[in-house]
Every structure is written in C-alpha cells, then in structure tokens.
Amino acid sequence: MTAARSPLSSADRPQPGLRERKKIKTREAIRVATYALIREQGYDATTIEQIADRAEVSPSTVFRYFPTKEDIVLTDEYDPLMLEELRARPAAEPWTDSVRHVMHRAIDAMMAEDAEVARMRAHLAVQVPAVRSRMIESMSETGRLLRTALAERFALAPDGLEVRVCATALVAGLMEATMSWAENGFTDDLRALLDRALDVLEHGLPAGKP
C-alpha cells in the first residue's frame, strides 16, 4: 500500500507564478506588521493605518487582502490543504483516524511555521470578543469544508442533517481544544487536547467520579 500524499507539505506542490508570489509577499508583510504592532502596543491600539504604514502599503491594499483586522490575525491557508489531505486518506481508514491524522499535521505545520503567532491568535480569541466572533465564523467555513469531505467519504449529501451535525461537532471540538489551550496558559499539548476532544465525540463523556 502506498502512503497517502501529504498536501500540507509544500515540497512537491507547484510553485506559484510571479504575480501570485507578489500577492503572497504582500499578504505576509501585512501579517508580520500586524503581529509586530500587537506585540508592541496591544490589539485595540493597533489600527489599519498603522499596519499599512509598517507594511509599506496603502490602507486600501490592506483591505483588498483582508476585510477586517480580525481577518489579518486569524487568516491562514490550512483549510483547503486539510480538505485535500482528508480526501487523500485511505478509504478503509476509520474516519476519526483520518481526522486525527490531518488535524495533527495541521497543528504541527502551524507550530513549525510560527509557534508564537499561533499562541497569539489563540490568546486574542480568548481575550478579544471581535476576534473570538471572527474565529467562530472562520470555524463555520471550516465546517463547510469538512461537510464536503464527510459527504464524499460516506456517499451522503453534504447538506444532510447528519453530515452537518458531524462536521459541526468536529469543528466545535477543535475550537474548544484551542480555547482551552489558551485559557490554561499554553501549558498543555495542543495535539493531546485535540485527541481528548475527538475521544469525546467518538466515545462520549468519560465516567465521572462516584
């Protein structure tokens, strides 16, 4: 049996053209400027105008790439890659094992890219209502992608109630694991928290103490 391809690894992915590389560079400059300003002066004090000045672009360019400041903080490109990797998992593999594998790889990629930024995002989601609200919206978008993968795996309609409930539960588990990680000062292993969340979805609540 051949191993599944790993879309989260960019080594064998087609390289973008010059125009796309410029867009990627601009997006990254905006992100880096935003994170630096938030570290220096906090989230509320950081404005789009300051971000644009630090990134050496115009405010209109910032808005062209990111509709809101919250989108700058939370944006990433992992969702389409996770969907691609879920589709690449062996059909005979238990669904929860496929989800664990892909989520673990996404967490590893996120932490390897910039662990400090990953922690900042989670901290802001806990502390700033606007970021938390946007995070919930973003998770809903992730849920729609998961519905597609679930429907394909089980030959079901993506808008069916059962598929929607399953995808929403998976996304909620991921979100709550991330929030718990931040609320406890990042002392826990995020992968272990995710595993615990998936265990609840798969097996139900653990027995309480008598």
N, C-alpha and C. Protein backbone atom coordinates (compact mmCIF):
# COMPACT_ATOMS: atom_id res chain seq x y z
N MET A 1 0.85 -1.19 0.00
CA MET A 1 0.00 0.00 0.00
C MET A 1 0.88 1.24 0.00
N THR A 2 0.62 2.17 -0.88
CA THR A 2 1.42 3.38 -0.92
C THR A 2 0.89 4.38 0.09
N ALA A 3 1.82 5.16 0.62
CA ALA A 3 1.43 6.16 1.62
C ALA A 3 0.64 7.28 0.96
N ALA A 4 -0.28 7.85 1.71
CA ALA A 4 -1.07 8.97 1.18
C ALA A 4 -0.16 10.18 0.97
N ARG A 5 -0.46 10.94 -0.07
CA ARG A 5 0.28 12.16 -0.34
C ARG A 5 0.05 13.16 0.78
N SER A 6 0.95 14.06 1.00
CA SER A 6 0.89 14.99 2.12
C SER A 6 0.74 16.43 1.63
N PRO A 7 -0.47 16.88 1.33
CA PRO A 7 -0.66 18.22 0.80
C PRO A 7 -0.18 19.32 1.74
N LEU A 8 -0.13 19.05 3.06
CA LEU A 8 0.32 20.09 3.97
C LEU A 8 1.81 20.37 3.82
N SER A 9 2.52 19.49 3.15
CA SER A 9 3.92 19.74 2.83
C SER A 9 3.99 20.37 1.45
N SER A 10 4.68 21.50 1.33
CA SER A 10 4.69 22.25 0.07
C SER A 10 5.81 21.82 -0.86
N ALA A 11 6.61 20.82 -0.47
CA ALA A 11 7.79 20.47 -1.26
C ALA A 11 7.46 20.05 -2.68
N ASP A 12 6.33 19.29 -2.83
CA ASP A 12 6.01 18.79 -4.16
C ASP A 12 4.85 19.52 -4.80
N ARG A 13 4.48 20.69 -4.25
CA ARG A 13 3.38 21.44 -4.80
C ARG A 13 3.89 22.37 -5.91
N PRO A 14 3.07 22.65 -6.93
CA PRO A 14 3.50 23.57 -7.99
C PRO A 14 3.85 24.94 -7.42
N GLN A 15 4.93 25.52 -7.90
CA GLN A 15 5.34 26.84 -7.43
C GLN A 15 4.48 27.93 -8.07
N PRO A 16 4.06 28.93 -7.30
CA PRO A 16 3.22 29.99 -7.87
C PRO A 16 3.99 30.86 -8.85
N GLY A 17 3.26 31.50 -9.75
CA GLY A 17 3.87 32.42 -10.70
C GLY A 17 4.25 33.73 -10.03
N LEU A 18 4.86 34.63 -10.81
CA LEU A 18 5.37 35.89 -10.27
C LEU A 18 4.26 36.72 -9.63
N ARG A 19 3.12 36.84 -10.30
CA ARG A 19 2.03 37.65 -9.76
C ARG A 19 1.53 37.09 -8.44
N GLU A 20 1.39 35.78 -8.38
CA GLU A 20 0.91 35.15 -7.14
C GLU A 20 1.95 35.29 -6.04
N ARG A 21 3.22 35.20 -6.39
CA ARG A 21 4.28 35.36 -5.39
C ARG A 21 4.25 36.77 -4.80
N LYS A 22 3.96 37.76 -5.63
CA LYS A 22 3.86 39.14 -5.14
C LYS A 22 2.69 39.28 -4.17
N LYS A 23 1.58 38.62 -4.49
CA LYS A 23 0.42 38.67 -3.59
C LYS A 23 0.74 38.01 -2.25
N ILE A 24 1.41 36.87 -2.33
CA ILE A 24 1.79 36.16 -1.10
C ILE A 24 2.72 37.03 -0.26
N LYS A 25 3.68 37.68 -0.91
CA LYS A 25 4.63 38.54 -0.21
C LYS A 25 3.90 39.71 0.46
N THR A 26 2.94 40.30 -0.23
CA THR A 26 2.19 41.41 0.35
C THR A 26 1.36 40.96 1.53
N ARG A 27 0.67 39.85 1.38
CA ARG A 27 -0.13 39.32 2.48
C ARG A 27 0.74 39.04 3.71
N GLU A 28 1.90 38.46 3.49
CA GLU A 28 2.78 38.13 4.59
C GLU A 28 3.32 39.39 5.25
N ALA A 29 3.64 40.42 4.46
CA ALA A 29 4.12 41.68 5.02
C ALA A 29 3.05 42.32 5.92
N ILE A 30 1.80 42.23 5.50
CA ILE A 30 0.70 42.77 6.30
C ILE A 30 0.55 41.99 7.59
N ARG A 31 0.62 40.67 7.50
CA ARG A 31 0.52 39.85 8.70
C ARG A 31 1.66 40.16 9.68
N VAL A 32 2.89 40.19 9.17
CA VAL A 32 4.05 40.43 10.03
C VAL A 32 3.93 41.79 10.72
N ALA A 33 3.51 42.80 9.97
CA ALA A 33 3.34 44.13 10.54
C ALA A 33 2.28 44.12 11.64
N THR A 34 1.20 43.42 11.40
CA THR A 34 0.11 43.35 12.39
C THR A 34 0.57 42.69 13.67
N TYR A 35 1.21 41.55 13.55
CA TYR A 35 1.67 40.83 14.74
C TYR A 35 2.68 41.67 15.52
N ALA A 36 3.59 42.35 14.82
CA ALA A 36 4.60 43.16 15.49
C ALA A 36 3.94 44.31 16.26
N LEU A 37 2.96 44.97 15.65
CA LEU A 37 2.29 46.08 16.31
C LEU A 37 1.49 45.62 17.51
N ILE A 38 0.83 44.48 17.38
CA ILE A 38 0.06 43.96 18.52
C ILE A 38 0.98 43.63 19.68
N ARG A 39 2.14 43.06 19.39
CA ARG A 39 3.11 42.77 20.45
C ARG A 39 3.55 44.07 21.15
N GLU A 40 3.73 45.12 20.36
CA GLU A 40 4.25 46.37 20.90
C GLU A 40 3.22 47.15 21.69
N GLN A 41 1.98 47.20 21.21
CA GLN A 41 1.01 48.13 21.81
C GLN A 41 -0.36 47.54 22.09
N GLY A 42 -0.55 46.27 21.80
CA GLY A 42 -1.84 45.65 22.07
C GLY A 42 -2.76 45.66 20.87
N TYR A 43 -3.81 44.87 20.94
CA TYR A 43 -4.71 44.70 19.80
C TYR A 43 -5.54 45.95 19.53
N ASP A 44 -6.18 46.47 20.57
CA ASP A 44 -7.11 47.59 20.38
C ASP A 44 -6.40 48.84 19.87
N ALA A 45 -5.16 49.05 20.28
CA ALA A 45 -4.43 50.25 19.87
C ALA A 45 -3.90 50.17 18.44
N THR A 46 -3.91 48.99 17.87
CA THR A 46 -3.37 48.79 16.53
C THR A 46 -4.43 49.11 15.48
N THR A 47 -4.11 50.02 14.56
CA THR A 47 -5.05 50.43 13.53
C THR A 47 -4.61 49.95 12.16
N ILE A 48 -5.56 49.93 11.24
CA ILE A 48 -5.26 49.56 9.86
C ILE A 48 -4.23 50.52 9.25
N GLU A 49 -4.35 51.80 9.58
CA GLU A 49 -3.41 52.79 9.06
C GLU A 49 -1.99 52.49 9.55
N GLN A 50 -1.85 52.11 10.80
CA GLN A 50 -0.53 51.77 11.34
C GLN A 50 0.01 50.51 10.66
N ILE A 51 -0.87 49.54 10.47
CA ILE A 51 -0.46 48.30 9.81
C ILE A 51 0.03 48.59 8.40
N ALA A 52 -0.73 49.41 7.67
CA ALA A 52 -0.34 49.75 6.31
C ALA A 52 1.01 50.46 6.27
N ASP A 53 1.21 51.39 7.21
CA ASP A 53 2.47 52.12 7.25
C ASP A 53 3.64 51.19 7.54
N ARG A 54 3.45 50.28 8.50
CA ARG A 54 4.52 49.34 8.86
C ARG A 54 4.81 48.38 7.71
N ALA A 55 3.77 47.96 7.00
CA ALA A 55 3.95 47.01 5.89
C ALA A 55 4.35 47.70 4.59
N GLU A 56 4.38 49.03 4.60
CA GLU A 56 4.74 49.83 3.43
C GLU A 56 3.78 49.59 2.26
N VAL A 57 2.48 49.59 2.60
CA VAL A 57 1.42 49.51 1.59
C VAL A 57 0.37 50.55 1.97
N SER A 58 -0.61 50.73 1.12
CA SER A 58 -1.70 51.66 1.43
C SER A 58 -2.79 50.95 2.24
N PRO A 59 -3.58 51.71 3.02
CA PRO A 59 -4.71 51.09 3.72
C PRO A 59 -5.65 50.35 2.78
N SER A 60 -5.85 50.89 1.57
CA SER A 60 -6.74 50.22 0.62
C SER A 60 -6.17 48.85 0.21
N THR A 61 -4.84 48.74 0.16
CA THR A 61 -4.23 47.44 -0.14
C THR A 61 -4.49 46.45 0.98
N VAL A 62 -4.38 46.93 2.22
CA VAL A 62 -4.69 46.05 3.36
C VAL A 62 -6.10 45.52 3.23
N PHE A 63 -7.07 46.41 2.96
CA PHE A 63 -8.46 45.99 2.87
C PHE A 63 -8.71 45.10 1.64
N ARG A 64 -7.89 45.25 0.62
CA ARG A 64 -8.04 44.39 -0.55
C ARG A 64 -7.75 42.93 -0.20
N TYR A 65 -6.82 42.74 0.72
CA TYR A 65 -6.44 41.38 1.10
C TYR A 65 -7.21 40.87 2.33
N PHE A 66 -7.55 41.79 3.23
CA PHE A 66 -8.18 41.40 4.49
C PHE A 66 -9.32 42.37 4.79
N PRO A 67 -10.56 41.91 4.82
CA PRO A 67 -11.69 42.80 5.07
C PRO A 67 -11.65 43.50 6.43
N THR A 68 -11.10 42.83 7.44
CA THR A 68 -11.06 43.40 8.78
C THR A 68 -9.72 43.07 9.44
N LYS A 69 -9.45 43.75 10.54
CA LYS A 69 -8.24 43.47 11.31
C LYS A 69 -8.28 42.04 11.86
N GLU A 70 -9.48 41.60 12.23
CA GLU A 70 -9.62 40.24 12.75
C GLU A 70 -9.22 39.20 11.69
N ASP A 71 -9.51 39.48 10.43
CA ASP A 71 -9.14 38.56 9.37
C ASP A 71 -7.62 38.46 9.22
N ILE A 72 -6.92 39.56 9.47
CA ILE A 72 -5.46 39.50 9.41
C ILE A 72 -4.93 38.57 10.48
N VAL A 73 -5.47 38.71 11.67
CA VAL A 73 -4.99 37.91 12.81
C VAL A 73 -5.26 36.43 12.61
N LEU A 74 -6.43 36.09 12.11
CA LEU A 74 -6.85 34.69 12.09
C LEU A 74 -6.63 33.98 10.77
N THR A 75 -6.34 34.71 9.71
CA THR A 75 -6.29 34.06 8.42
C THR A 75 -5.16 33.05 8.32
N ASP A 76 -5.40 31.99 7.60
CA ASP A 76 -4.37 31.02 7.23
C ASP A 76 -4.86 30.26 6.01
N GLU A 77 -3.99 29.44 5.46
CA GLU A 77 -4.33 28.71 4.24
C GLU A 77 -4.43 27.21 4.49
N TYR A 78 -4.63 26.81 5.74
CA TYR A 78 -4.61 25.39 6.04
C TYR A 78 -5.90 24.66 5.67
N ASP A 79 -7.04 25.36 5.69
CA ASP A 79 -8.31 24.66 5.48
C ASP A 79 -8.37 23.91 4.15
N PRO A 80 -8.07 24.55 3.01
CA PRO A 80 -8.12 23.80 1.75
C PRO A 80 -7.12 22.65 1.71
N LEU A 81 -5.97 22.83 2.36
CA LEU A 81 -4.97 21.76 2.39
C LEU A 81 -5.45 20.59 3.25
N MET A 82 -6.14 20.90 4.36
CA MET A 82 -6.68 19.82 5.19
C MET A 82 -7.73 19.03 4.43
N LEU A 83 -8.57 19.73 3.68
CA LEU A 83 -9.58 19.05 2.88
C LEU A 83 -8.92 18.14 1.85
N GLU A 84 -7.88 18.66 1.21
CA GLU A 84 -7.16 17.87 0.22
C GLU A 84 -6.55 16.62 0.84
N GLU A 85 -5.99 16.79 2.03
CA GLU A 85 -5.36 15.64 2.68
C GLU A 85 -6.40 14.64 3.19
N LEU A 86 -7.53 15.12 3.67
CA LEU A 86 -8.60 14.20 4.07
C LEU A 86 -9.04 13.34 2.89
N ARG A 87 -9.14 13.97 1.73
CA ARG A 87 -9.53 13.23 0.54
C ARG A 87 -8.48 12.19 0.15
N ALA A 88 -7.23 12.44 0.52
CA ALA A 88 -6.14 11.53 0.15
C ALA A 88 -5.99 10.36 1.11
N ARG A 89 -6.65 10.40 2.26
CA ARG A 89 -6.52 9.31 3.22
C ARG A 89 -7.16 8.04 2.67
N PRO A 90 -6.67 6.85 3.06
CA PRO A 90 -7.23 5.58 2.57
C PRO A 90 -8.71 5.46 2.90
N ALA A 91 -9.49 4.99 1.95
CA ALA A 91 -10.94 4.89 2.14
C ALA A 91 -11.30 3.93 3.28
N ALA A 92 -10.45 2.92 3.52
CA ALA A 92 -10.75 1.94 4.56
C ALA A 92 -10.37 2.43 5.96
N GLU A 93 -9.68 3.54 6.04
CA GLU A 93 -9.26 4.05 7.34
C GLU A 93 -10.46 4.59 8.11
N PRO A 94 -10.59 4.28 9.40
CA PRO A 94 -11.69 4.87 10.18
C PRO A 94 -11.68 6.39 10.09
N TRP A 95 -12.87 6.96 9.97
CA TRP A 95 -12.96 8.39 9.74
C TRP A 95 -12.26 9.19 10.84
N THR A 96 -12.46 8.79 12.10
CA THR A 96 -11.83 9.54 13.19
C THR A 96 -10.31 9.47 13.11
N ASP A 97 -9.76 8.36 12.64
CA ASP A 97 -8.31 8.26 12.46
C ASP A 97 -7.84 9.22 11.38
N SER A 98 -8.62 9.33 10.31
CA SER A 98 -8.27 10.27 9.25
C SER A 98 -8.26 11.70 9.78
N VAL A 99 -9.27 12.06 10.56
CA VAL A 99 -9.35 13.41 11.11
C VAL A 99 -8.18 13.67 12.05
N ARG A 100 -7.86 12.71 12.91
CA ARG A 100 -6.73 12.88 13.83
C ARG A 100 -5.44 13.12 13.04
N HIS A 101 -5.23 12.31 12.03
CA HIS A 101 -4.01 12.42 11.25
C HIS A 101 -3.88 13.82 10.64
N VAL A 102 -4.94 14.29 10.01
CA VAL A 102 -4.90 15.57 9.32
C VAL A 102 -4.80 16.73 10.31
N MET A 103 -5.56 16.66 11.39
CA MET A 103 -5.51 17.73 12.38
C MET A 103 -4.13 17.80 13.04
N HIS A 104 -3.55 16.65 13.34
CA HIS A 104 -2.21 16.64 13.92
C HIS A 104 -1.21 17.30 12.98
N ARG A 105 -1.31 16.98 11.71
CA ARG A 105 -0.39 17.56 10.74
C ARG A 105 -0.60 19.07 10.61
N ALA A 106 -1.85 19.50 10.67
CA ALA A 106 -2.13 20.94 10.60
C ALA A 106 -1.54 21.66 11.81
N ILE A 107 -1.70 21.08 12.99
CA ILE A 107 -1.14 21.67 14.20
C ILE A 107 0.39 21.72 14.10
N ASP A 108 0.99 20.62 13.67
CA ASP A 108 2.46 20.58 13.54
C ASP A 108 2.94 21.65 12.56
N ALA A 109 2.24 21.80 11.43
CA ALA A 109 2.63 22.80 10.43
C ALA A 109 2.48 24.21 10.99
N MET A 110 1.39 24.44 11.71
CA MET A 110 1.13 25.76 12.29
C MET A 110 2.20 26.11 13.32
N MET A 111 2.55 25.17 14.19
CA MET A 111 3.54 25.43 15.23
C MET A 111 4.94 25.56 14.64
N ALA A 112 5.22 24.80 13.60
CA ALA A 112 6.54 24.88 12.97
C ALA A 112 6.71 26.21 12.25
N GLU A 113 5.63 26.72 11.67
CA GLU A 113 5.70 27.98 10.94
C GLU A 113 6.00 29.13 11.87
N ASP A 114 5.24 29.24 12.97
CA ASP A 114 5.49 30.30 13.96
C ASP A 114 4.64 30.01 15.19
N ALA A 115 5.25 29.34 16.17
CA ALA A 115 4.52 28.95 17.37
C ALA A 115 4.04 30.17 18.15
N GLU A 116 4.83 31.25 18.16
CA GLU A 116 4.44 32.45 18.89
C GLU A 116 3.18 33.07 18.29
N VAL A 117 3.09 33.09 16.96
CA VAL A 117 1.90 33.63 16.30
C VAL A 117 0.70 32.75 16.59
N ALA A 118 0.89 31.43 16.58
CA ALA A 118 -0.21 30.52 16.89
C ALA A 118 -0.75 30.78 18.30
N ARG A 119 0.14 31.00 19.24
CA ARG A 119 -0.30 31.29 20.61
C ARG A 119 -0.97 32.66 20.69
N MET A 120 -0.44 33.64 19.95
CA MET A 120 -1.05 34.96 19.95
C MET A 120 -2.48 34.90 19.42
N ARG A 121 -2.68 34.19 18.34
CA ARG A 121 -4.03 34.06 17.77
C ARG A 121 -4.99 33.47 18.79
N ALA A 122 -4.57 32.39 19.43
CA ALA A 122 -5.44 31.74 20.41
C ALA A 122 -5.70 32.66 21.60
N HIS A 123 -4.68 33.37 22.06
CA HIS A 123 -4.85 34.29 23.18
C HIS A 123 -5.83 35.40 22.83
N LEU A 124 -5.70 35.97 21.64
CA LEU A 124 -6.61 37.03 21.23
C LEU A 124 -8.04 36.52 21.09
N ALA A 125 -8.20 35.28 20.64
CA ALA A 125 -9.55 34.71 20.52
C ALA A 125 -10.21 34.59 21.88
N VAL A 126 -9.42 34.37 22.92
CA VAL A 126 -9.96 34.30 24.28
C VAL A 126 -10.24 35.69 24.83
N GLN A 127 -9.33 36.64 24.56
CA GLN A 127 -9.39 37.94 25.22
C GLN A 127 -10.20 39.00 24.48
N VAL A 128 -10.29 38.90 23.16
CA VAL A 128 -10.91 39.97 22.36
C VAL A 128 -12.21 39.45 21.73
N PRO A 129 -13.37 39.98 22.12
CA PRO A 129 -14.64 39.48 21.59
C PRO A 129 -14.72 39.50 20.06
N ALA A 130 -14.20 40.55 19.43
CA ALA A 130 -14.29 40.63 17.96
C ALA A 130 -13.48 39.52 17.30
N VAL A 131 -12.33 39.19 17.87
CA VAL A 131 -11.52 38.10 17.32
C VAL A 131 -12.21 36.77 17.54
N ARG A 132 -12.78 36.60 18.73
CA ARG A 132 -13.49 35.35 19.02
C ARG A 132 -14.68 35.17 18.07
N SER A 133 -15.41 36.25 17.82
CA SER A 133 -16.55 36.18 16.91
C SER A 133 -16.11 35.79 15.51
N ARG A 134 -14.99 36.40 15.06
CA ARG A 134 -14.49 36.06 13.72
C ARG A 134 -13.96 34.64 13.68
N MET A 135 -13.41 34.17 14.79
CA MET A 135 -12.93 32.79 14.86
C MET A 135 -14.09 31.82 14.68
N ILE A 136 -15.21 32.12 15.32
CA ILE A 136 -16.39 31.26 15.19
C ILE A 136 -16.87 31.24 13.74
N GLU A 137 -16.88 32.42 13.09
CA GLU A 137 -17.26 32.47 11.68
C GLU A 137 -16.30 31.65 10.83
N SER A 138 -15.01 31.77 11.12
CA SER A 138 -14.00 31.03 10.37
C SER A 138 -14.18 29.53 10.56
N MET A 139 -14.50 29.13 11.78
CA MET A 139 -14.73 27.71 12.05
C MET A 139 -15.95 27.20 11.29
N SER A 140 -16.93 28.06 11.10
CA SER A 140 -18.09 27.66 10.30
C SER A 140 -17.69 27.37 8.86
N GLU A 141 -16.77 28.17 8.35
CA GLU A 141 -16.25 27.93 7.00
C GLU A 141 -15.48 26.61 6.95
N THR A 142 -14.71 26.34 7.99
CA THR A 142 -14.00 25.05 8.08
C THR A 142 -15.00 23.91 8.11
N GLY A 143 -16.10 24.10 8.83
CA GLY A 143 -17.13 23.07 8.90
C GLY A 143 -17.73 22.75 7.56
N ARG A 144 -17.91 23.76 6.73
CA ARG A 144 -18.46 23.52 5.39
C ARG A 144 -17.50 22.68 4.55
N LEU A 145 -16.21 22.91 4.71
CA LEU A 145 -15.23 22.08 4.00
C LEU A 145 -15.25 20.65 4.51
N LEU A 146 -15.37 20.49 5.83
CA LEU A 146 -15.43 19.15 6.40
C LEU A 146 -16.68 18.41 5.93
N ARG A 147 -17.78 19.15 5.78
CA ARG A 147 -19.01 18.51 5.28
C ARG A 147 -18.77 17.92 3.90
N THR A 148 -18.02 18.63 3.08
CA THR A 148 -17.71 18.12 1.74
C THR A 148 -16.94 16.81 1.83
N ALA A 149 -15.91 16.79 2.69
CA ALA A 149 -15.10 15.58 2.83
C ALA A 149 -15.90 14.43 3.42
N LEU A 150 -16.73 14.72 4.41
CA LEU A 150 -17.57 13.68 5.01
C LEU A 150 -18.54 13.11 3.98
N ALA A 151 -19.17 13.99 3.24
CA ALA A 151 -20.16 13.54 2.25
C ALA A 151 -19.51 12.65 1.20
N GLU A 152 -18.30 13.01 0.77
CA GLU A 152 -17.60 12.19 -0.21
C GLU A 152 -17.23 10.84 0.36
N ARG A 153 -16.77 10.81 1.60
CA ARG A 153 -16.33 9.55 2.21
C ARG A 153 -17.49 8.58 2.39
N PHE A 154 -18.65 9.10 2.81
CA PHE A 154 -19.77 8.22 3.14
C PHE A 154 -20.87 8.23 2.08
N ALA A 155 -20.60 8.87 0.94
CA ALA A 155 -21.57 8.93 -0.15
C ALA A 155 -22.91 9.48 0.33
N LEU A 156 -22.85 10.60 1.03
CA LEU A 156 -24.04 11.25 1.55
C LEU A 156 -24.13 12.67 0.99
N ALA A 157 -25.29 13.27 1.14
CA ALA A 157 -25.47 14.65 0.68
C ALA A 157 -24.79 15.59 1.67
N PRO A 158 -23.98 16.53 1.21
CA PRO A 158 -23.27 17.43 2.12
C PRO A 158 -24.18 18.30 2.97
N ASP A 159 -25.41 18.53 2.52
CA ASP A 159 -26.34 19.35 3.28
C ASP A 159 -27.27 18.53 4.16
N GLY A 160 -27.05 17.21 4.19
CA GLY A 160 -27.88 16.37 5.05
C GLY A 160 -27.63 16.67 6.52
N LEU A 161 -28.66 16.49 7.34
CA LEU A 161 -28.56 16.85 8.76
C LEU A 161 -27.42 16.10 9.44
N GLU A 162 -27.32 14.79 9.19
CA GLU A 162 -26.30 14.00 9.87
C GLU A 162 -24.89 14.50 9.54
N VAL A 163 -24.66 14.82 8.28
CA VAL A 163 -23.35 15.32 7.86
C VAL A 163 -23.08 16.68 8.50
N ARG A 164 -24.06 17.53 8.52
CA ARG A 164 -23.89 18.86 9.12
C ARG A 164 -23.57 18.76 10.60
N VAL A 165 -24.29 17.88 11.31
CA VAL A 165 -24.07 17.73 12.75
C VAL A 165 -22.67 17.19 13.02
N CYS A 166 -22.26 16.20 12.26
CA CYS A 166 -20.94 15.60 12.46
C CYS A 166 -19.84 16.62 12.21
N ALA A 167 -19.92 17.34 11.11
CA ALA A 167 -18.89 18.33 10.78
C ALA A 167 -18.85 19.45 11.81
N THR A 168 -20.03 19.90 12.25
CA THR A 168 -20.09 20.97 13.24
C THR A 168 -19.48 20.52 14.56
N ALA A 169 -19.75 19.28 14.94
CA ALA A 169 -19.20 18.74 16.20
C ALA A 169 -17.68 18.66 16.13
N LEU A 170 -17.15 18.24 14.98
CA LEU A 170 -15.70 18.17 14.82
C LEU A 170 -15.06 19.56 14.94
N VAL A 171 -15.67 20.53 14.29
CA VAL A 171 -15.14 21.89 14.32
C VAL A 171 -15.24 22.48 15.73
N ALA A 172 -16.35 22.23 16.40
CA ALA A 172 -16.51 22.73 17.77
C ALA A 172 -15.46 22.11 18.69
N GLY A 173 -15.17 20.83 18.49
CA GLY A 173 -14.14 20.18 19.30
C GLY A 173 -12.78 20.82 19.09
N LEU A 174 -12.45 21.13 17.85
CA LEU A 174 -11.18 21.79 17.55
C LEU A 174 -11.13 23.18 18.19
N MET A 175 -12.22 23.92 18.08
CA MET A 175 -12.25 25.27 18.63
C MET A 175 -12.11 25.24 20.15
N GLU A 176 -12.85 24.35 20.81
CA GLU A 176 -12.79 24.29 22.27
C GLU A 176 -11.43 23.82 22.75
N ALA A 177 -10.80 22.91 22.01
CA ALA A 177 -9.45 22.48 22.38
C ALA A 177 -8.48 23.66 22.30
N THR A 178 -8.62 24.46 21.26
CA THR A 178 -7.75 25.64 21.10
C THR A 178 -7.99 26.66 22.19
N MET A 179 -9.25 26.90 22.51
CA MET A 179 -9.58 27.86 23.57
C MET A 179 -9.06 27.39 24.92
N SER A 180 -9.21 26.10 25.20
CA SER A 180 -8.71 25.55 26.46
C SER A 180 -7.20 25.70 26.54
N TRP A 181 -6.53 25.46 25.42
CA TRP A 181 -5.08 25.61 25.33
C TRP A 181 -4.66 27.02 25.75
N ALA A 182 -5.35 28.03 25.23
CA ALA A 182 -5.02 29.41 25.56
C ALA A 182 -5.40 29.76 26.99
N GLU A 183 -6.57 29.34 27.42
CA GLU A 183 -7.05 29.69 28.77
C GLU A 183 -6.15 29.13 29.85
N ASN A 184 -5.49 28.00 29.58
CA ASN A 184 -4.60 27.39 30.56
C ASN A 184 -3.14 27.78 30.35
N GLY A 185 -2.92 28.89 29.64
CA GLY A 185 -1.58 29.42 29.51
C GLY A 185 -0.66 28.62 28.61
N PHE A 186 -1.24 27.86 27.69
CA PHE A 186 -0.46 27.09 26.70
C PHE A 186 0.44 26.04 27.36
N THR A 187 0.07 25.62 28.55
CA THR A 187 0.89 24.61 29.24
C THR A 187 0.59 23.20 28.74
N ASP A 188 -0.57 22.99 28.13
CA ASP A 188 -0.94 21.67 27.63
C ASP A 188 -0.43 21.48 26.21
N ASP A 189 -0.37 20.22 25.81
CA ASP A 189 -0.04 19.87 24.43
C ASP A 189 -1.30 20.00 23.59
N LEU A 190 -1.28 20.88 22.59
CA LEU A 190 -2.48 21.11 21.78
C LEU A 190 -2.93 19.85 21.08
N ARG A 191 -2.00 19.03 20.63
CA ARG A 191 -2.37 17.77 19.99
C ARG A 191 -3.12 16.86 20.97
N ALA A 192 -2.64 16.82 22.21
CA ALA A 192 -3.30 15.98 23.22
C ALA A 192 -4.70 16.50 23.53
N LEU A 193 -4.86 17.83 23.57
CA LEU A 193 -6.19 18.39 23.79
C LEU A 193 -7.12 18.04 22.65
N LEU A 194 -6.62 18.10 21.43
CA LEU A 194 -7.44 17.74 20.28
C LEU A 194 -7.85 16.27 20.36
N ASP A 195 -6.92 15.41 20.74
CA ASP A 195 -7.24 13.99 20.89
C ASP A 195 -8.34 13.77 21.92
N ARG A 196 -8.27 14.51 23.02
CA ARG A 196 -9.31 14.39 24.04
C ARG A 196 -10.66 14.83 23.50
N ALA A 197 -10.66 15.91 22.72
CA ALA A 197 -11.91 16.38 22.13
C ALA A 197 -12.49 15.33 21.17
N LEU A 198 -11.63 14.73 20.36
CA LEU A 198 -12.10 13.71 19.43
C LEU A 198 -12.56 12.46 20.17
N ASP A 199 -11.92 12.14 21.28
CA ASP A 199 -12.35 10.99 22.09
C ASP A 199 -13.78 11.19 22.59
N VAL A 200 -14.10 12.41 23.00
CA VAL A 200 -15.46 12.69 23.47
C VAL A 200 -16.46 12.51 22.34
N LEU A 201 -16.13 13.00 21.16
CA LEU A 201 -17.03 12.87 20.02
C LEU A 201 -17.20 11.41 19.61
N GLU A 202 -16.13 10.63 19.77
CA GLU A 202 -16.17 9.24 19.35
C GLU A 202 -16.79 8.31 20.39
N HIS A 203 -16.51 8.57 21.67
CA HIS A 203 -16.92 7.63 22.72
C HIS A 203 -17.86 8.21 23.76
N GLY A 204 -18.11 9.51 23.72
CA GLY A 204 -18.96 10.13 24.72
C GLY A 204 -18.15 10.60 25.92
N LEU A 205 -18.83 11.20 26.88
CA LEU A 205 -18.16 11.73 28.06
C LEU A 205 -17.58 10.60 28.90
N PRO A 206 -16.41 10.83 29.51
CA PRO A 206 -15.86 9.82 30.43
C PRO A 206 -16.71 9.73 31.69
N ALA A 207 -16.65 8.60 32.34
CA ALA A 207 -17.43 8.41 33.56
C ALA A 207 -16.92 9.35 34.65
N GLY A 208 -17.83 9.99 35.38
CA GLY A 208 -17.45 10.87 36.46
C GLY A 208 -17.06 10.10 37.70
N LYS A 209 -16.47 10.79 38.66
CA LYS A 209 -16.07 10.15 39.91
C LYS A 209 -17.32 9.87 40.73
N PRO A 210 -17.37 8.69 41.37
CA PRO A 210 -18.55 8.37 42.19
C PRO A 210 -18.63 9.28 43.41
